[in-house]
């Protein structure tokens, strides 16, 4: 493979994780032991919040009354896009039953989990989209209890636009909590008495580590890290649009990788000139985040063919992957590792982040090699069931008894023996050789 790094990252997504793991593990242990009281202490210490955790309908309605009509219409539009896509996903799976053998019927039943915790961060930015991405998808799945959390915004209460997004999407309980304490409270059922079956939503490295540590006790959406973008471009791509999209995702945070994979060295060099210029034009907070991200995590890789580009892209397994190249169908057919794919110049990641419909909670740090992003399926359980007639159970019992004895599991075998003896008392069977102790 002939590839050339015109820009190589000085850090990796794993660089900043060790400290976060230690902090999170200590916090989770403290919260599990001491409950709501210590959560309130963390809220006061870390977010300067000493108000009510669980928001009453009166407080919610007063806050969202101040949200402009135009903002409400935009959020309502985006909620419907996400909800409709999630409903289409839900309709792609269904209950069924099938006859596997004479007298033997098996099937599946698809049911939502009972309680979901949805988190939307409000640190550097107010993540309005994350609020409806998680809640609307859980709502489409049919989840009965949706608990939503977001942190106080810049010293005040929850950002009213985030609050409206939670409410519009269908959250049942809304809590003013951020960070590790929010994730832990939802997982342990603090303040609500309803421990979450699944906890979802993006966040900083501490939120990501909290979810990782709690996985097993609860389900989670993905093992998330800082937001990533990969862009595939050939000589037909517009360098300004490519650079703009790289910067558009780099503003997520100081540790957000932005990668360009291209067959055109001329395009690559032009993009590398444009990116710093575009970053310099951003407002201070976004400029600081994007500049650090591009400096430490940005990469530009030139390959000799589109086949090599596809191989490199699959190795990186980008959270978001844009394709600015000819023959989009070829790329759709040949790319295999990405969180979500954006085909063509017209389809920027920002559309997917905010309004187009497919979920924006996506795998990072290479997890797209084996996992997709948040979907309605994350909130649903595919449960199996079986039913047999006595005649249908005969063959099952015979084979089960013999295989169980081959494995040395005599008690298993006898559950089959006992049914054969009851249902077919006048027949002799080959039940295998009993296990000798």
Protein backbone atom coordinates (compact mmCIF):
# COMPACT_ATOMS: atom_id res chain seq x y z
CA UNK A 1 0.00 0.00 0.00
CA UNK A 2 1.40 3.41 -1.03
CA UNK A 3 0.19 6.08 1.37
CA UNK A 4 1.75 9.41 2.32
CA UNK A 5 1.00 11.32 5.53
CA UNK A 6 1.09 15.04 4.70
CA UNK A 7 -0.04 15.62 8.29
CA UNK A 8 0.29 13.11 11.12
CA UNK A 9 -1.48 13.33 14.49
CA UNK A 10 0.71 13.88 17.54
CA UNK A 11 -1.86 12.31 19.85
CA UNK A 12 -4.36 9.46 19.73
CA UNK A 13 -7.90 9.21 21.16
CA UNK A 14 -6.48 7.07 24.00
CA UNK A 15 -4.01 9.73 25.16
CA UNK A 16 -6.28 11.32 27.75
CA UNK A 17 -8.15 8.32 29.16
CA UNK A 18 -6.10 7.06 32.12
CA UNK A 19 -6.77 10.01 34.42
CA UNK A 20 -10.46 9.96 33.57
CA UNK A 21 -10.74 6.28 34.49
CA UNK A 22 -9.33 6.86 37.96
CA UNK A 23 -11.55 9.86 38.68
CA UNK A 24 -14.68 8.10 37.41
CA UNK A 25 -14.11 4.88 39.33
CA UNK A 26 -13.76 6.83 42.59
CA UNK A 27 -16.92 8.84 41.90
CA UNK A 28 -19.00 5.80 40.96
CA UNK A 29 -17.97 3.94 44.10
CA UNK A 30 -18.83 6.96 46.24
CA UNK A 31 -22.23 7.44 44.57
CA UNK A 32 -23.13 3.75 44.81
CA UNK A 33 -22.29 3.78 48.52
CA UNK A 34 -23.74 7.14 49.58
CA UNK A 35 -26.53 7.76 47.07
CA UNK A 36 -28.40 10.99 46.47
CA UNK A 37 -26.60 13.03 49.15
CA UNK A 38 -23.22 12.68 47.50
CA UNK A 39 -24.74 13.34 44.06
CA UNK A 40 -25.97 16.68 45.39
CA UNK A 41 -22.45 17.37 46.68
CA UNK A 42 -20.94 16.65 43.28
CA UNK A 43 -23.58 18.84 41.59
CA UNK A 44 -22.71 21.74 43.88
CA UNK A 45 -18.95 21.24 43.58
CA UNK A 46 -18.63 20.49 39.87
CA UNK A 47 -21.59 22.35 38.33
CA UNK A 48 -22.29 24.99 41.00
CA UNK A 49 -25.87 23.70 41.18
CA UNK A 50 -27.75 23.45 44.47
CA UNK A 51 -31.30 23.69 43.12
CA UNK A 52 -33.82 20.93 42.63
CA UNK A 53 -32.60 17.88 40.74
CA UNK A 54 -35.92 16.56 39.45
CA UNK A 55 -37.71 19.31 37.54
CA UNK A 56 -41.41 19.75 38.28
CA UNK A 57 -43.96 20.33 35.52
CA UNK A 58 -44.40 23.87 36.82
CA UNK A 59 -40.69 24.64 36.52
CA UNK A 60 -40.44 22.97 33.10
CA UNK A 61 -43.44 24.82 31.71
CA UNK A 62 -42.19 28.17 33.02
CA UNK A 63 -38.78 27.66 31.43
CA UNK A 64 -39.99 26.49 28.02
CA UNK A 65 -42.53 29.31 27.87
CA UNK A 66 -39.54 31.59 27.27
CA UNK A 67 -38.35 29.60 24.25
CA UNK A 68 -39.05 31.54 21.02
CA UNK A 69 -41.68 30.11 18.67
CA UNK A 70 -39.15 29.83 15.85
CA UNK A 71 -36.80 27.75 18.00
CA UNK A 72 -39.66 25.48 19.00
CA UNK A 73 -40.62 24.94 15.35
CA UNK A 74 -37.05 24.02 14.40
CA UNK A 75 -36.73 21.57 17.29
CA UNK A 76 -40.15 20.08 16.54
CA UNK A 77 -39.10 19.55 12.91
CA UNK A 78 -35.89 17.80 13.96
CA UNK A 79 -37.71 15.67 16.55
CA UNK A 80 -40.11 14.42 13.89
CA UNK A 81 -37.23 13.55 11.54
CA UNK A 82 -35.50 11.48 14.23
CA UNK A 83 -38.74 9.87 15.43
CA UNK A 84 -39.88 8.93 11.91
CA UNK A 85 -36.53 7.34 11.08
CA UNK A 86 -36.59 5.41 14.35
CA UNK A 87 -40.11 4.17 13.63
CA UNK A 88 -38.90 2.92 10.23
CA UNK A 89 -36.08 1.09 12.02
CA UNK A 90 -38.55 -0.42 14.46
CA UNK A 91 -40.71 -1.66 11.59
CA UNK A 92 -37.70 -3.47 10.12
CA UNK A 93 -37.85 -6.04 12.93
CA UNK A 94 -40.92 -7.97 13.96
CA UNK A 95 -42.33 -10.85 15.95
CA UNK A 96 -42.47 -14.19 14.18
CA UNK A 97 -43.03 -17.90 14.76
CA UNK A 98 -41.84 -20.82 12.67
CA UNK A 99 -42.29 -24.60 12.66
CA UNK A 100 -38.84 -26.11 13.05
CA UNK A 101 -39.91 -29.76 13.32
CA UNK A 102 -43.21 -31.59 13.52
CA UNK A 103 -44.78 -30.43 16.77
CA UNK A 104 -41.99 -27.92 17.52
CA UNK A 105 -42.68 -24.20 17.14
CA UNK A 106 -40.25 -21.41 18.02
CA UNK A 107 -40.27 -17.68 17.55
CA UNK A 108 -39.19 -14.26 18.68
CA UNK A 109 -40.92 -11.41 20.42
CA UNK A 110 -39.53 -7.89 20.22
CA UNK A 111 -40.13 -5.76 23.32
CA UNK A 112 -38.79 -2.40 24.51
CA UNK A 113 -36.81 -2.15 27.72
CA UNK A 114 -38.69 -0.60 30.62
CA UNK A 115 -36.48 2.32 31.69
CA UNK A 116 -34.00 4.38 29.67
CA UNK A 117 -31.69 7.16 30.84
CA UNK A 118 -30.84 9.81 28.22
CA UNK A 119 -27.98 12.28 28.67
CA UNK A 120 -27.32 15.50 26.77
CA UNK A 121 -24.19 17.49 27.68
CA UNK A 122 -24.26 21.27 28.17
CA UNK A 123 -20.68 22.23 28.78
CA UNK A 124 -18.89 24.06 25.99
CA UNK A 125 -22.10 24.02 23.95
CA UNK A 126 -25.80 23.41 24.63
CA UNK A 127 -26.34 20.07 22.91
CA UNK A 128 -29.95 20.52 21.87
CA UNK A 129 -29.74 17.83 19.20
CA UNK A 130 -28.45 15.20 21.63
CA UNK A 131 -31.54 15.73 23.76
CA UNK A 132 -34.01 14.80 21.04
CA UNK A 133 -31.76 12.24 19.32
CA UNK A 134 -31.80 9.99 22.38
CA UNK A 135 -35.28 10.65 23.77
CA UNK A 136 -37.20 10.54 20.47
CA UNK A 137 -35.54 7.25 19.54
CA UNK A 138 -36.42 5.68 22.89
CA UNK A 139 -39.97 7.00 22.50
CA UNK A 140 -40.27 5.40 19.05
CA UNK A 141 -39.13 2.10 20.56
CA UNK A 142 -42.04 2.21 23.02
CA UNK A 143 -40.02 2.71 26.21
CA UNK A 144 -42.45 3.48 29.06
CA UNK A 145 -40.09 5.40 31.35
CA UNK A 146 -37.62 7.86 29.80
CA UNK A 147 -35.44 9.78 32.25
CA UNK A 148 -33.45 12.68 30.81
CA UNK A 149 -30.49 14.56 32.30
CA UNK A 150 -28.50 17.61 31.31
CA UNK A 151 -26.15 19.75 33.34
CA UNK A 152 -26.69 23.34 34.44
CA UNK A 153 -25.60 25.66 31.66
CA UNK A 154 -22.87 28.16 32.53
CA UNK A 155 -23.90 28.61 36.15
CA UNK A 156 -27.66 28.65 35.67
CA UNK A 157 -30.28 25.95 35.39
CA UNK A 158 -30.70 23.62 32.43
CA UNK A 159 -30.49 25.38 29.09
CA UNK A 160 -34.12 26.12 28.11
CA UNK A 161 -33.63 24.91 24.53
CA UNK A 162 -32.23 21.58 25.75
CA UNK A 163 -35.12 21.37 28.19
CA UNK A 164 -37.64 22.02 25.41
CA UNK A 165 -35.98 19.37 23.24
CA UNK A 166 -36.30 16.80 26.03
CA UNK A 167 -39.94 17.71 26.57
CA UNK A 168 -40.85 17.82 22.87
CA UNK A 169 -39.24 14.43 22.27
CA UNK A 170 -41.23 12.79 25.07
CA UNK A 171 -39.10 12.57 28.24
CA UNK A 172 -41.09 11.46 31.30
CA UNK A 173 -38.70 12.75 33.99
CA UNK A 174 -36.16 15.54 33.48
CA UNK A 175 -33.30 16.11 35.93
CA UNK A 176 -30.79 18.94 36.21
CA UNK A 177 -27.64 16.87 36.54
CA UNK A 178 -24.43 16.63 34.57
CA UNK A 179 -21.38 14.46 34.13
CA UNK A 180 -20.60 11.27 36.01
CA UNK A 181 -23.19 12.02 38.69
CA UNK A 182 -25.93 12.13 36.04
CA UNK A 183 -24.93 8.83 34.47
CA UNK A 184 -24.64 7.15 37.88
CA UNK A 185 -27.97 8.54 39.12
CA UNK A 186 -29.81 7.18 36.10
CA UNK A 187 -28.08 3.81 36.34
CA UNK A 188 -28.78 3.42 40.07
CA UNK A 189 -32.30 4.89 39.95
CA UNK A 190 -31.49 7.79 42.28
CA UNK A 191 -34.14 10.52 42.63
CA UNK A 192 -36.64 8.44 40.60
CA UNK A 193 -36.58 4.96 42.13
CA UNK A 194 -36.32 3.59 38.59
CA UNK A 195 -32.87 2.22 37.68
CA UNK A 196 -32.26 2.50 33.95
CA UNK A 197 -31.98 -0.62 31.85
CA UNK A 198 -30.04 1.35 29.23
CA UNK A 199 -28.14 4.65 29.53
CA UNK A 200 -27.36 6.58 26.34
CA UNK A 201 -26.03 9.90 25.13
CA UNK A 202 -22.75 11.62 24.30
CA UNK A 203 -20.48 13.44 26.73
CA UNK A 204 -16.92 14.26 27.66
CA UNK A 205 -14.25 11.70 28.55
CA UNK A 206 -15.60 11.39 32.12
CA UNK A 207 -19.11 10.63 30.90
CA UNK A 208 -17.69 8.10 28.43
CA UNK A 209 -15.69 6.37 31.16
CA UNK A 210 -18.71 6.30 33.49
CA UNK A 211 -20.74 4.51 30.84
CA UNK A 212 -17.89 2.12 30.14
CA UNK A 213 -17.53 1.29 33.84
CA UNK A 214 -21.28 0.75 34.30
CA UNK A 215 -21.68 -1.42 31.21
CA UNK A 216 -22.98 -4.79 32.35
CA UNK A 217 -24.92 -3.27 35.21
CA UNK A 218 -26.78 -1.34 32.51
CA UNK A 219 -26.77 -1.40 28.74
CA UNK A 220 -25.16 1.53 26.94
CA UNK A 221 -25.31 2.87 23.41
CA UNK A 222 -21.63 2.85 22.39
CA UNK A 223 -18.18 3.12 23.96
CA UNK A 224 -17.91 6.75 23.00
CA UNK A 225 -14.92 9.02 22.75
CA UNK A 226 -14.38 12.48 21.27
CA UNK A 227 -16.28 13.16 18.06
CA UNK A 228 -14.45 12.21 14.84
CA UNK A 229 -14.74 13.00 11.15
CA UNK A 230 -13.14 11.29 8.20
CA UNK A 231 -13.47 12.73 4.69
CA UNK A 232 -12.75 10.82 1.50
CA UNK A 233 -12.05 13.13 -1.42
CA UNK A 234 -10.75 12.84 -4.96
CA UNK A 235 -9.67 15.47 -7.47
CA UNK A 236 -13.32 16.38 -8.17
CA UNK A 237 -13.90 17.58 -4.58
CA UNK A 238 -14.20 21.25 -3.62
CA UNK A 239 -11.29 22.03 -1.24
CA UNK A 240 -13.25 24.79 0.51
CA UNK A 241 -16.18 22.49 1.28
CA UNK A 242 -13.84 19.73 2.46
CA UNK A 243 -11.94 22.13 4.72
CA UNK A 244 -15.17 23.59 6.05
CA UNK A 245 -16.48 20.17 7.01
CA UNK A 246 -13.22 19.21 8.75
CA UNK A 247 -13.37 22.41 10.80
CA UNK A 248 -17.09 21.89 11.41
CA UNK A 249 -16.42 18.74 13.37
CA UNK A 250 -13.11 19.80 14.94
CA UNK A 251 -14.99 22.45 16.92
CA UNK A 252 -16.55 19.67 19.02
CA UNK A 253 -13.55 19.69 21.32
CA UNK A 254 -9.82 19.77 21.86
CA UNK A 255 -9.52 16.00 21.33
CA UNK A 256 -11.71 15.59 18.22
CA UNK A 257 -9.84 13.94 15.34
CA UNK A 258 -10.35 15.21 11.78
CA UNK A 259 -8.95 13.04 8.98
CA UNK A 260 -8.68 13.55 5.22
CA UNK A 261 -8.13 10.51 2.97
CA UNK A 262 -7.52 11.48 -0.64
CA UNK A 263 -6.05 10.43 -3.97
CA UNK A 264 -5.20 14.05 -4.82
CA UNK A 265 -2.08 15.60 -3.32
CA UNK A 266 -3.01 19.00 -4.79
CA UNK A 267 -6.38 18.91 -3.02
CA UNK A 268 -4.72 17.79 0.19
CA UNK A 269 -2.27 20.69 0.20
CA UNK A 270 -4.99 23.22 -0.54
CA UNK A 271 -7.16 21.87 2.28
CA UNK A 272 -4.21 22.07 4.68
CA UNK A 273 -3.85 25.77 3.83
CA UNK A 274 -7.55 26.48 4.19
CA UNK A 275 -8.25 24.73 7.51
CA UNK A 276 -6.17 27.06 9.74
CA UNK A 277 -7.60 30.09 7.93
CA UNK A 278 -11.16 28.92 8.59
CA UNK A 279 -10.38 28.14 12.21
CA UNK A 280 -9.03 31.67 12.71
CA UNK A 281 -12.42 33.07 11.67
CA UNK A 282 -14.39 31.16 14.33
CA UNK A 283 -15.74 32.64 17.59
CA UNK A 284 -13.33 32.22 20.55
CA UNK A 285 -14.69 29.00 22.10
CA UNK A 286 -15.01 27.17 18.79
CA UNK A 287 -11.67 28.56 17.59
CA UNK A 288 -9.87 27.26 20.66
CA UNK A 289 -11.40 23.79 20.37
CA UNK A 290 -10.90 23.42 16.62
CA UNK A 291 -7.34 24.76 16.66
CA UNK A 292 -6.25 22.28 19.33
CA UNK A 293 -8.06 19.40 17.65
CA UNK A 294 -6.51 20.07 14.23
CA UNK A 295 -3.04 20.63 15.69
CA UNK A 296 -2.97 17.48 17.82
CA UNK A 297 -5.33 15.05 16.08
CA UNK A 298 -5.69 16.18 12.47
CA UNK A 299 -4.30 13.95 9.73
CA UNK A 300 -4.03 14.19 5.94
CA UNK A 301 -3.27 10.97 4.06
CA UNK A 302 -2.66 10.69 0.32
CA UNK A 303 -3.21 7.29 -1.31
CA UNK A 304 -2.47 6.09 -4.83
CA UNK A 305 -5.92 4.61 -5.58
CA UNK A 306 -9.48 4.63 -4.34
CA UNK A 307 -9.07 1.00 -3.26
CA UNK A 308 -6.26 2.09 -0.94
CA UNK A 309 -8.35 4.97 0.35
CA UNK A 310 -11.14 2.52 1.19
CA UNK A 311 -8.69 0.27 3.07
CA UNK A 312 -7.25 3.17 5.06
CA UNK A 313 -10.71 4.54 5.82
CA UNK A 314 -11.91 1.17 7.08
CA UNK A 315 -8.85 0.94 9.33
CA UNK A 316 -9.70 4.29 10.92
CA UNK A 317 -13.43 3.37 11.14
CA UNK A 318 -14.49 7.00 11.46
CA UNK A 319 -17.49 7.98 13.53
CA UNK A 320 -18.64 10.25 10.69
CA UNK A 321 -17.44 9.55 7.17
CA UNK A 322 -18.07 11.87 4.24
CA UNK A 323 -17.40 10.96 0.62
CA UNK A 324 -16.62 13.78 -1.82
CA UNK A 325 -15.72 11.66 -4.82
CA UNK A 326 -16.99 10.30 -8.10
CA UNK A 327 -19.06 7.10 -8.29
CA UNK A 328 -20.78 7.29 -4.89
CA UNK A 329 -22.36 3.87 -5.42
CA UNK A 330 -18.88 2.31 -5.53
CA UNK A 331 -18.02 3.81 -2.17
CA UNK A 332 -21.33 2.72 -0.66
CA UNK A 333 -20.66 -0.83 -1.84
CA UNK A 334 -17.01 -1.02 -0.76
CA UNK A 335 -16.73 0.89 2.52
CA UNK A 336 -17.45 -1.31 5.55
CA UNK A 337 -16.38 0.53 8.72
CA UNK A 338 -18.00 3.82 9.73
CA UNK A 339 -20.50 5.09 12.25
CA UNK A 340 -22.60 6.93 9.68
CA UNK A 341 -21.89 7.55 6.00
CA UNK A 342 -22.53 10.87 4.24
CA UNK A 343 -22.48 10.46 0.48
CA UNK A 344 -21.76 13.45 -1.73
CA UNK A 345 -20.88 17.09 -1.21
CA UNK A 346 -24.54 17.92 -0.52
CA UNK A 347 -24.62 15.69 2.57
CA UNK A 348 -22.56 17.24 5.36
CA UNK A 349 -22.14 15.68 8.80
CA UNK A 350 -23.82 18.71 10.37
CA UNK A 351 -27.10 17.69 8.71
CA UNK A 352 -26.84 14.30 10.40
CA UNK A 353 -25.81 15.91 13.67
CA UNK A 354 -28.94 18.03 13.80
CA UNK A 355 -31.87 17.22 11.54
CA UNK A 356 -31.72 14.58 8.80
CA UNK A 357 -33.04 11.65 10.86
CA UNK A 358 -30.44 8.89 11.42
CA UNK A 359 -29.06 9.09 14.95
CA UNK A 360 -25.95 11.12 15.72
CA UNK A 361 -24.84 9.04 18.72
CA UNK A 362 -22.20 6.95 16.95
CA UNK A 363 -19.21 4.70 17.67
CA UNK A 364 -15.74 6.26 17.99
CA UNK A 365 -12.18 5.05 18.61
CA UNK A 366 -12.47 2.34 15.95
CA UNK A 367 -15.63 0.80 17.40
CA UNK A 368 -17.34 1.15 14.02
CA UNK A 369 -15.40 -1.98 13.03
CA UNK A 370 -17.89 -4.03 15.06
CA UNK A 371 -20.73 -1.73 16.08
CA UNK A 372 -23.23 0.74 14.67
CA UNK A 373 -24.61 3.82 16.35
CA UNK A 374 -27.64 4.41 18.52
CA UNK A 375 -30.84 3.11 16.99
CA UNK A 376 -34.30 2.07 18.06
CA UNK A 377 -32.92 -1.47 18.31
CA UNK A 378 -30.74 -0.44 21.27
CA UNK A 379 -33.91 0.06 23.30
CA UNK A 380 -35.53 -3.19 22.24
CA UNK A 381 -34.94 -6.79 23.28
CA UNK A 382 -35.31 -9.65 20.82
CA UNK A 383 -36.70 -12.42 23.04
CA UNK A 384 -37.11 -15.99 21.87
CA UNK A 385 -39.77 -18.55 22.83
CA UNK A 386 -40.47 -22.25 22.19
CA UNK A 387 -43.50 -24.50 22.35
CA UNK A 388 -43.78 -28.27 21.68
CA UNK A 389 -46.37 -31.01 21.53
CA UNK A 390 -45.59 -34.30 23.28
CA UNK A 391 -44.95 -36.02 19.97
CA UNK A 392 -42.79 -33.09 18.84
CA UNK A 393 -40.69 -33.28 22.00
CA UNK A 394 -39.73 -36.94 21.37
CA UNK A 395 -36.93 -36.26 18.89
CA UNK A 396 -35.76 -33.25 20.89
CA UNK A 397 -35.54 -35.37 24.04
CA UNK A 398 -33.64 -38.21 22.39
CA UNK A 399 -30.98 -35.98 20.88
CA UNK A 400 -30.77 -33.82 24.02
CA UNK A 401 -30.24 -36.85 26.27
CA UNK A 402 -27.47 -38.26 24.09
CA UNK A 403 -25.63 -34.95 23.61
CA UNK A 404 -25.93 -34.11 27.31
CA UNK A 405 -24.29 -37.41 28.22
CA UNK A 406 -21.53 -36.87 25.70
CA UNK A 407 -20.85 -33.60 27.50
CA UNK A 408 -20.96 -35.28 30.92
CA UNK A 409 -24.13 -33.46 32.01
CA UNK A 410 -26.28 -36.23 33.47
CA UNK A 411 -28.88 -33.99 35.11
CA UNK A 412 -29.61 -32.35 31.77
CA UNK A 413 -30.03 -35.77 30.18
CA UNK A 414 -32.47 -36.91 32.86
CA UNK A 415 -34.83 -33.99 32.22
CA UNK A 416 -35.22 -35.47 28.73
CA UNK A 417 -35.40 -39.06 30.05
CA UNK A 418 -38.21 -38.20 32.46
CA UNK A 419 -40.37 -36.74 29.71
CA UNK A 420 -39.82 -39.71 27.44
CA UNK A 421 -40.76 -42.06 30.28
CA UNK A 422 -43.93 -40.08 31.02
CA UNK A 423 -45.11 -39.44 27.48
CA UNK A 424 -44.04 -42.74 25.86
CA UNK A 425 -44.04 -45.36 28.68
CA UNK A 426 -44.18 -48.37 26.36
CA UNK A 427 -41.24 -47.43 24.11
CA UNK A 428 -37.53 -48.14 24.41
CA UNK A 429 -35.03 -45.46 23.42
CA UNK A 430 -31.31 -45.06 22.88
CA UNK A 431 -30.54 -42.46 25.52
CA UNK A 432 -26.75 -42.67 25.41
CA UNK A 433 -24.42 -43.92 28.09
CA UNK A 434 -25.13 -42.53 31.58
CA UNK A 435 -22.39 -40.43 33.11
CA UNK A 436 -20.35 -42.39 35.64
CA UNK A 437 -19.12 -40.55 38.71
